[in-house]
Amino acid sequence: MVDVPRFVFSLAYEPAANVPRGGCNDREEVLMSTKRQQTMAKMARERAVKEKRARKAEKKEARLAEREAQLADGTFGIDTEGTTEDEVPTAPDTPVAP
């Protein structure tokens, strides 16, 4: 009868008992990247994006407020582009009878 080993272990096998508690072994520490400080250019880009988003939100709120005002006046949907305030048509005060 031939003697065949039941299990084959790798030579690189390290039991968990060799790793210190809460830490990692030296090989893992070498593979981990170091944390880099953000550059001023990156912070400036991020700040510019935030400011642009804030301006966009303000414009959106202004358009919404204008639309709500037009709905309240009854002038929503009437093109007022290129006219002055005196020329803007207003909604009739009394409803028109059919």
N, C-alpha and C. Protein backbone atom coordinates (compact mmCIF):
# COMPACT_ATOMS: atom_id res chain seq x y z
N MET A 1 0.81 -1.17 0.00
CA MET A 1 0.00 0.00 0.00
C MET A 1 0.87 1.26 0.00
N VAL A 2 0.46 2.30 -0.79
CA VAL A 2 1.25 3.53 -0.91
C VAL A 2 0.76 4.53 0.12
N ASP A 3 1.72 5.17 0.79
CA ASP A 3 1.37 6.14 1.81
C ASP A 3 1.13 7.51 1.14
N VAL A 4 -0.14 7.98 1.07
CA VAL A 4 -0.50 9.26 0.44
C VAL A 4 -0.93 10.24 1.54
N PRO A 5 -0.33 11.42 1.57
CA PRO A 5 -0.75 12.38 2.60
C PRO A 5 -2.20 12.83 2.37
N ARG A 6 -2.93 12.97 3.45
CA ARG A 6 -4.34 13.37 3.34
C ARG A 6 -4.46 14.86 3.03
N PHE A 7 -3.63 15.69 3.59
CA PHE A 7 -3.72 17.14 3.38
C PHE A 7 -2.35 17.66 2.97
N VAL A 8 -2.35 18.65 2.10
CA VAL A 8 -1.10 19.28 1.70
C VAL A 8 -1.16 20.73 2.16
N PHE A 9 -0.22 21.15 2.97
CA PHE A 9 -0.19 22.52 3.46
C PHE A 9 0.83 23.32 2.67
N SER A 10 0.49 24.57 2.43
CA SER A 10 1.41 25.46 1.75
C SER A 10 2.50 25.89 2.73
N LEU A 11 3.67 26.14 2.21
CA LEU A 11 4.77 26.61 3.06
C LEU A 11 4.56 28.05 3.50
N ALA A 12 3.70 28.79 2.77
CA ALA A 12 3.45 30.20 3.09
C ALA A 12 2.34 30.34 4.13
N TYR A 13 1.81 29.25 4.62
CA TYR A 13 0.71 29.30 5.58
C TYR A 13 1.17 29.92 6.89
N GLU A 14 0.44 30.92 7.35
CA GLU A 14 0.74 31.54 8.64
C GLU A 14 -0.51 31.43 9.50
N PRO A 15 -0.43 30.79 10.62
CA PRO A 15 -1.61 30.70 11.47
C PRO A 15 -1.99 32.07 12.04
N ALA A 16 -3.25 32.23 12.39
CA ALA A 16 -3.75 33.50 12.90
C ALA A 16 -3.09 33.90 14.21
N ALA A 17 -2.52 32.95 14.93
CA ALA A 17 -1.89 33.26 16.20
C ALA A 17 -0.65 34.13 16.03
N ASN A 18 -0.05 34.15 14.83
CA ASN A 18 1.14 34.96 14.59
C ASN A 18 0.84 36.43 14.36
N VAL A 19 -0.42 36.75 14.06
CA VAL A 19 -0.79 38.15 13.79
C VAL A 19 -1.17 38.80 15.10
N PRO A 20 -0.57 39.95 15.43
CA PRO A 20 -0.90 40.61 16.70
C PRO A 20 -2.35 41.07 16.72
N ARG A 21 -2.92 41.15 17.90
CA ARG A 21 -4.31 41.57 18.03
C ARG A 21 -4.50 43.01 17.55
N GLY A 22 -5.53 43.21 16.73
CA GLY A 22 -5.86 44.55 16.27
C GLY A 22 -4.89 45.10 15.24
N GLY A 23 -3.92 44.36 14.83
CA GLY A 23 -2.95 44.86 13.87
C GLY A 23 -2.87 43.97 12.66
N CYS A 24 -1.91 44.22 11.84
CA CYS A 24 -1.70 43.38 10.67
C CYS A 24 -0.21 43.05 10.60
N ASN A 25 0.11 42.09 9.78
CA ASN A 25 1.52 41.70 9.71
C ASN A 25 2.30 42.67 8.82
N ASP A 26 3.60 42.53 8.79
CA ASP A 26 4.47 43.48 8.08
C ASP A 26 4.17 43.52 6.59
N ARG A 27 3.85 42.38 6.01
CA ARG A 27 3.60 42.34 4.57
C ARG A 27 2.39 43.19 4.20
N GLU A 28 1.34 43.16 5.02
CA GLU A 28 0.16 43.96 4.74
C GLU A 28 0.44 45.44 4.92
N GLU A 29 1.28 45.80 5.89
CA GLU A 29 1.61 47.19 6.12
C GLU A 29 2.34 47.80 4.93
N VAL A 30 3.17 47.02 4.27
CA VAL A 30 3.90 47.50 3.11
C VAL A 30 2.95 47.76 1.95
N LEU A 31 1.91 46.91 1.82
CA LEU A 31 0.98 47.04 0.71
C LEU A 31 -0.02 48.18 0.89
N MET A 32 -0.22 48.62 2.11
CA MET A 32 -1.18 49.69 2.37
C MET A 32 -0.59 51.02 1.91
N SER A 33 -1.44 51.84 1.28
CA SER A 33 -0.95 53.14 0.82
C SER A 33 -1.04 54.14 1.96
N THR A 34 -0.23 55.16 1.85
CA THR A 34 -0.25 56.21 2.86
C THR A 34 -1.29 57.25 2.48
N LYS A 35 -1.86 57.91 3.47
CA LYS A 35 -2.86 58.93 3.23
C LYS A 35 -2.15 60.22 2.82
N ARG A 36 -2.57 60.77 1.71
CA ARG A 36 -1.93 61.99 1.22
C ARG A 36 -2.80 63.20 1.55
N GLN A 37 -2.14 64.30 1.75
CA GLN A 37 -2.84 65.54 2.03
C GLN A 37 -3.42 66.10 0.73
N GLN A 38 -4.64 66.68 0.82
CA GLN A 38 -5.26 67.25 -0.37
C GLN A 38 -4.47 68.48 -0.81
N THR A 39 -4.36 68.64 -2.11
CA THR A 39 -3.66 69.81 -2.63
C THR A 39 -4.61 71.01 -2.60
N MET A 40 -4.03 72.18 -2.63
CA MET A 40 -4.83 73.40 -2.64
C MET A 40 -5.66 73.48 -3.92
N ALA A 41 -5.12 72.98 -5.02
CA ALA A 41 -5.86 73.00 -6.29
C ALA A 41 -7.12 72.15 -6.20
N LYS A 42 -7.01 70.99 -5.58
CA LYS A 42 -8.18 70.12 -5.45
C LYS A 42 -9.23 70.77 -4.55
N MET A 43 -8.79 71.38 -3.45
CA MET A 43 -9.74 72.05 -2.56
C MET A 43 -10.42 73.21 -3.28
N ALA A 44 -9.67 73.94 -4.12
CA ALA A 44 -10.25 75.05 -4.87
C ALA A 44 -11.27 74.54 -5.88
N ARG A 45 -10.97 73.42 -6.54
CA ARG A 45 -11.93 72.85 -7.50
C ARG A 45 -13.22 72.43 -6.79
N GLU A 46 -13.06 71.78 -5.65
CA GLU A 46 -14.25 71.34 -4.90
C GLU A 46 -15.07 72.53 -4.43
N ARG A 47 -14.40 73.60 -3.98
CA ARG A 47 -15.10 74.81 -3.53
C ARG A 47 -15.83 75.45 -4.70
N ALA A 48 -15.21 75.48 -5.88
CA ALA A 48 -15.85 76.06 -7.06
C ALA A 48 -17.10 75.26 -7.45
N VAL A 49 -17.03 73.95 -7.35
CA VAL A 49 -18.19 73.12 -7.67
C VAL A 49 -19.32 73.39 -6.69
N LYS A 50 -19.00 73.50 -5.39
CA LYS A 50 -20.02 73.79 -4.38
C LYS A 50 -20.67 75.15 -4.63
N GLU A 51 -19.85 76.15 -4.96
CA GLU A 51 -20.40 77.48 -5.24
C GLU A 51 -21.29 77.47 -6.47
N LYS A 52 -20.89 76.74 -7.50
CA LYS A 52 -21.69 76.65 -8.71
C LYS A 52 -23.02 75.98 -8.42
N ARG A 53 -23.00 74.92 -7.62
CA ARG A 53 -24.25 74.24 -7.25
C ARG A 53 -25.15 75.15 -6.43
N ALA A 54 -24.56 75.96 -5.55
CA ALA A 54 -25.35 76.89 -4.75
C ALA A 54 -26.01 77.95 -5.64
N ARG A 55 -25.25 78.48 -6.62
CA ARG A 55 -25.83 79.47 -7.55
C ARG A 55 -26.96 78.84 -8.35
N LYS A 56 -26.77 77.61 -8.79
CA LYS A 56 -27.79 76.92 -9.57
C LYS A 56 -29.06 76.71 -8.74
N ALA A 57 -28.89 76.35 -7.46
CA ALA A 57 -30.04 76.16 -6.58
C ALA A 57 -30.79 77.48 -6.36
N GLU A 58 -30.04 78.58 -6.22
CA GLU A 58 -30.67 79.90 -6.05
C GLU A 58 -31.48 80.27 -7.28
N LYS A 59 -30.92 80.03 -8.46
CA LYS A 59 -31.65 80.32 -9.70
C LYS A 59 -32.92 79.49 -9.79
N LYS A 60 -32.82 78.22 -9.42
CA LYS A 60 -33.97 77.34 -9.47
C LYS A 60 -35.07 77.82 -8.52
N GLU A 61 -34.68 78.23 -7.31
CA GLU A 61 -35.65 78.74 -6.35
C GLU A 61 -36.30 80.03 -6.86
N ALA A 62 -35.50 80.89 -7.51
CA ALA A 62 -36.04 82.14 -8.05
C ALA A 62 -37.05 81.85 -9.16
N ARG A 63 -36.74 80.89 -10.05
CA ARG A 63 -37.68 80.54 -11.12
C ARG A 63 -38.97 79.97 -10.54
N LEU A 64 -38.84 79.15 -9.51
CA LEU A 64 -40.01 78.56 -8.87
C LEU A 64 -40.87 79.64 -8.22
N ALA A 65 -40.24 80.59 -7.53
CA ALA A 65 -40.98 81.68 -6.89
C ALA A 65 -41.69 82.53 -7.94
N GLU A 66 -41.00 82.79 -9.07
CA GLU A 66 -41.61 83.58 -10.14
C GLU A 66 -42.81 82.84 -10.73
N ARG A 67 -42.68 81.56 -10.90
CA ARG A 67 -43.79 80.77 -11.46
C ARG A 67 -44.98 80.76 -10.50
N GLU A 68 -44.70 80.60 -9.21
CA GLU A 68 -45.79 80.62 -8.23
C GLU A 68 -46.49 81.96 -8.21
N ALA A 69 -45.71 83.05 -8.36
CA ALA A 69 -46.31 84.39 -8.41
C ALA A 69 -47.17 84.54 -9.65
N GLN A 70 -46.70 84.02 -10.78
CA GLN A 70 -47.48 84.09 -12.01
C GLN A 70 -48.75 83.26 -11.91
N LEU A 71 -48.68 82.11 -11.28
CA LEU A 71 -49.87 81.29 -11.08
C LEU A 71 -50.89 82.02 -10.21
N ALA A 72 -50.39 82.72 -9.18
CA ALA A 72 -51.28 83.47 -8.29
C ALA A 72 -51.92 84.65 -9.03
N ASP A 73 -51.16 85.29 -9.94
CA ASP A 73 -51.68 86.42 -10.72
C ASP A 73 -52.55 85.98 -11.88
N GLY A 74 -52.38 84.77 -12.31
CA GLY A 74 -53.09 84.29 -13.48
C GLY A 74 -52.39 84.63 -14.78
N THR A 75 -51.12 85.02 -14.71
CA THR A 75 -50.37 85.39 -15.91
C THR A 75 -49.40 84.30 -16.33
N PHE A 76 -49.50 83.11 -15.73
CA PHE A 76 -48.58 82.04 -16.09
C PHE A 76 -48.85 81.59 -17.52
N GLY A 77 -47.81 81.44 -18.29
CA GLY A 77 -47.93 80.99 -19.66
C GLY A 77 -47.96 82.13 -20.67
N ILE A 78 -48.09 83.38 -20.20
CA ILE A 78 -48.06 84.54 -21.09
C ILE A 78 -46.62 84.97 -21.22
N ASP A 79 -46.15 85.12 -22.46
CA ASP A 79 -44.77 85.47 -22.70
C ASP A 79 -44.56 86.94 -22.37
N THR A 80 -43.70 87.19 -21.38
CA THR A 80 -43.41 88.57 -20.97
C THR A 80 -41.99 88.95 -21.32
N GLU A 81 -41.34 88.18 -22.12
CA GLU A 81 -39.95 88.44 -22.50
C GLU A 81 -39.89 89.68 -23.39
N GLY A 82 -39.03 90.62 -23.03
CA GLY A 82 -38.84 91.81 -23.85
C GLY A 82 -39.87 92.89 -23.61
N THR A 83 -40.71 92.77 -22.61
CA THR A 83 -41.70 93.80 -22.31
C THR A 83 -41.38 94.44 -20.99
N THR A 84 -41.89 95.63 -20.78
CA THR A 84 -41.69 96.31 -19.50
C THR A 84 -42.85 95.96 -18.58
N GLU A 85 -42.76 96.40 -17.33
CA GLU A 85 -43.82 96.09 -16.38
C GLU A 85 -45.14 96.73 -16.77
N ASP A 86 -45.08 97.90 -17.43
CA ASP A 86 -46.32 98.58 -17.84
C ASP A 86 -47.02 97.82 -18.95
N GLU A 87 -46.28 97.08 -19.75
CA GLU A 87 -46.86 96.38 -20.90
C GLU A 87 -47.30 94.96 -20.58
N VAL A 88 -46.96 94.45 -19.41
CA VAL A 88 -47.30 93.07 -19.07
C VAL A 88 -48.81 92.96 -18.88
N PRO A 89 -49.46 92.04 -19.60
CA PRO A 89 -50.90 91.90 -19.44
C PRO A 89 -51.23 91.30 -18.08
N THR A 90 -52.33 91.74 -17.54
CA THR A 90 -52.77 91.23 -16.25
C THR A 90 -54.00 90.37 -16.45
N ALA A 91 -54.29 89.58 -15.47
CA ALA A 91 -55.48 88.71 -15.55
C ALA A 91 -56.72 89.57 -15.34
N PRO A 92 -57.82 89.22 -15.99
CA PRO A 92 -59.04 89.99 -15.79
C PRO A 92 -59.55 89.81 -14.38
N ASP A 93 -60.12 90.93 -13.81
CA ASP A 93 -60.62 90.87 -12.46
C ASP A 93 -61.94 90.09 -12.36
N THR A 94 -62.73 90.21 -13.38
CA THR A 94 -64.01 89.51 -13.37
C THR A 94 -64.00 88.39 -14.40
N PRO A 95 -64.59 87.27 -14.07
CA PRO A 95 -64.60 86.18 -15.06
C PRO A 95 -65.52 86.55 -16.21
N VAL A 96 -65.18 86.06 -17.38
CA VAL A 96 -65.96 86.33 -18.59
C VAL A 96 -67.08 85.31 -18.65
N ALA A 97 -68.32 85.81 -18.84
CA ALA A 97 -69.48 84.91 -18.92
C ALA A 97 -69.52 84.27 -20.30
N PRO A 98 -69.93 83.01 -20.36
CA PRO A 98 -69.97 82.35 -21.68
C PRO A 98 -71.16 82.77 -22.51
